[in-house]
Protein backbone atom coordinates (compact mmCIF):
# COMPACT_ATOMS: atom_id res chain seq x y z
CA UNK A 1 -17.28 42.88 -54.80
CA UNK A 2 -15.70 46.29 -53.52
CA UNK A 3 -13.63 48.16 -55.72
CA UNK A 4 -10.93 48.22 -53.12
CA UNK A 5 -11.17 44.50 -52.46
CA UNK A 6 -10.84 44.05 -55.89
CA UNK A 7 -7.36 46.36 -56.09
CA UNK A 8 -5.79 44.54 -52.99
CA UNK A 9 -6.39 40.93 -54.44
CA UNK A 10 -5.24 42.23 -57.69
CA UNK A 11 -1.76 43.53 -55.35
CA UNK A 12 -1.52 40.26 -53.58
CA UNK A 13 -1.57 38.15 -56.99
CA UNK A 14 0.93 40.42 -58.24
CA UNK A 15 2.98 40.48 -55.66
CA UNK A 16 2.78 36.32 -55.45
CA UNK A 17 3.57 36.04 -59.17
CA UNK A 18 6.55 38.23 -58.74
CA UNK A 19 7.83 36.02 -55.63
CA UNK A 20 7.33 33.12 -57.76
CA UNK A 21 9.72 34.67 -60.28
CA UNK A 22 12.23 35.48 -58.09
CA UNK A 23 12.06 31.80 -56.43
CA UNK A 24 12.94 30.34 -59.74
CA UNK A 25 15.20 32.84 -60.55
CA UNK A 26 17.04 32.29 -57.28
CA UNK A 27 16.86 28.64 -58.07
CA UNK A 28 14.67 28.07 -54.90
CA UNK A 29 11.98 26.30 -56.70
CA UNK A 30 11.98 24.43 -59.95
CA UNK A 31 10.07 25.94 -62.68
CA UNK A 32 8.43 22.79 -63.39
CA UNK A 33 6.98 23.26 -59.68
CA UNK A 34 6.38 26.86 -60.13
CA UNK A 35 4.59 26.50 -63.15
CA UNK A 36 1.22 25.65 -60.98
CA UNK A 37 1.55 28.50 -58.80
CA UNK A 38 2.27 30.99 -61.88
CA UNK A 39 -0.91 29.73 -63.69
CA UNK A 40 -2.90 30.07 -60.59
CA UNK A 41 -1.78 33.51 -60.00
CA UNK A 42 -2.75 34.74 -63.99
CA UNK A 43 -6.27 32.96 -63.67
CA UNK A 44 -7.17 34.45 -60.27
CA UNK A 45 -5.55 38.34 -61.61
CA UNK A 46 -7.73 37.58 -64.91
CA UNK A 47 -10.99 36.75 -62.43
CA UNK A 48 -10.11 39.82 -60.57
CA UNK A 49 -10.20 42.04 -63.26
CA UNK A 50 -13.12 40.73 -64.87
CA UNK A 51 -15.39 39.12 -62.27
CA UNK A 52 -18.11 38.80 -64.60
CA UNK A 53 -16.59 36.20 -66.22
CA UNK A 54 -16.03 34.22 -62.65
CA UNK A 55 -20.01 34.60 -62.22
CA UNK A 56 -20.79 33.49 -65.49
CA UNK A 57 -18.62 30.49 -65.32
CA UNK A 58 -19.95 29.87 -61.97
CA UNK A 59 -23.58 29.89 -63.18
CA UNK A 60 -22.71 27.62 -66.24
CA UNK A 61 -21.17 24.87 -63.65
CA UNK A 62 -23.98 25.08 -61.58
CA UNK A 63 -22.54 26.68 -58.68
CA UNK A 64 -25.03 28.75 -56.59
CA UNK A 65 -22.18 31.31 -55.46
CA UNK A 66 -18.90 32.10 -57.24
CA UNK A 67 -16.74 31.70 -54.02
CA UNK A 68 -18.34 28.21 -53.75
CA UNK A 69 -16.36 27.56 -57.09
CA UNK A 70 -13.20 29.15 -56.11
CA UNK A 71 -13.21 27.03 -53.05
CA UNK A 72 -14.01 23.98 -54.74
CA UNK A 73 -11.23 24.53 -57.56
CA UNK A 74 -8.87 25.54 -54.65
CA UNK A 75 -9.69 21.95 -53.05
CA UNK A 76 -9.02 20.46 -56.19
CA UNK A 77 -6.00 21.90 -57.19
CA UNK A 78 -4.57 21.12 -53.62
CA UNK A 79 -5.58 17.56 -54.06
CA UNK A 80 -4.03 17.22 -57.48
CA UNK A 81 -0.72 19.09 -55.92
CA UNK A 82 -0.44 16.79 -52.84
CA UNK A 83 -0.97 13.71 -55.36
CA UNK A 84 1.95 15.29 -57.71
CA UNK A 85 4.36 15.70 -54.67
CA UNK A 86 3.40 11.98 -53.27
CA UNK A 87 4.50 10.42 -56.39
CA UNK A 88 7.75 12.83 -56.63
CA UNK A 89 8.64 11.93 -52.93
CA UNK A 90 8.03 8.14 -53.88
CA UNK A 91 10.07 8.16 -56.48
CA UNK A 92 13.04 10.08 -54.61
CA UNK A 93 13.03 7.19 -52.13
CA UNK A 94 13.18 4.84 -54.54
CA UNK A 95 16.00 6.26 -55.86
CA UNK A 96 17.60 6.54 -52.16
CA UNK A 97 17.01 3.26 -51.84
CA UNK A 98 19.05 2.13 -54.92
CA UNK A 99 21.79 4.70 -54.43
CA UNK A 100 22.03 3.28 -50.63
CA UNK A 101 22.31 -0.53 -51.91
CA UNK A 102 24.66 0.63 -54.99
CA UNK A 103 27.06 2.28 -52.11
CA UNK A 104 26.70 -0.59 -49.86
CA UNK A 105 28.09 -2.85 -52.66
CA UNK A 106 30.65 -0.59 -53.38
CA UNK A 107 31.84 -0.35 -49.87
CA UNK A 108 31.95 -3.87 -49.83
CA UNK A 109 33.98 -4.34 -53.28
CA UNK A 110 36.25 -1.79 -51.80
CA UNK A 111 36.70 -3.75 -48.41
CA UNK A 112 37.53 -6.80 -50.29
CA UNK A 113 39.99 -5.46 -52.41
CA UNK A 114 41.91 -3.71 -49.50
CA UNK A 115 41.94 -6.95 -47.71
CA UNK A 116 43.69 -9.01 -50.51
């Protein structure tokens, strides 16, 4: 890979890392959710600094090209993130349903007390 491209990728990864850290500091994203992005930034920065490491790992795993391995790993990461977010949404939906039912019961109880 061209040195200019490696420098560009390194700068992008550092900026992405700083952006995620800033989002954590501003409480835009929870540390649990940001941890995945921080790890990805660090791993991509390491692979950018040591490209022979990427080539060795891809050869070891049987990929024809290192970029194929990166696309495959990115796809797997996306699936894991989507599954995690789906599980979180399901849990939150259940909590909203429970809270709505509790609120309805409290309103009903309050109306009965005000009528008597």
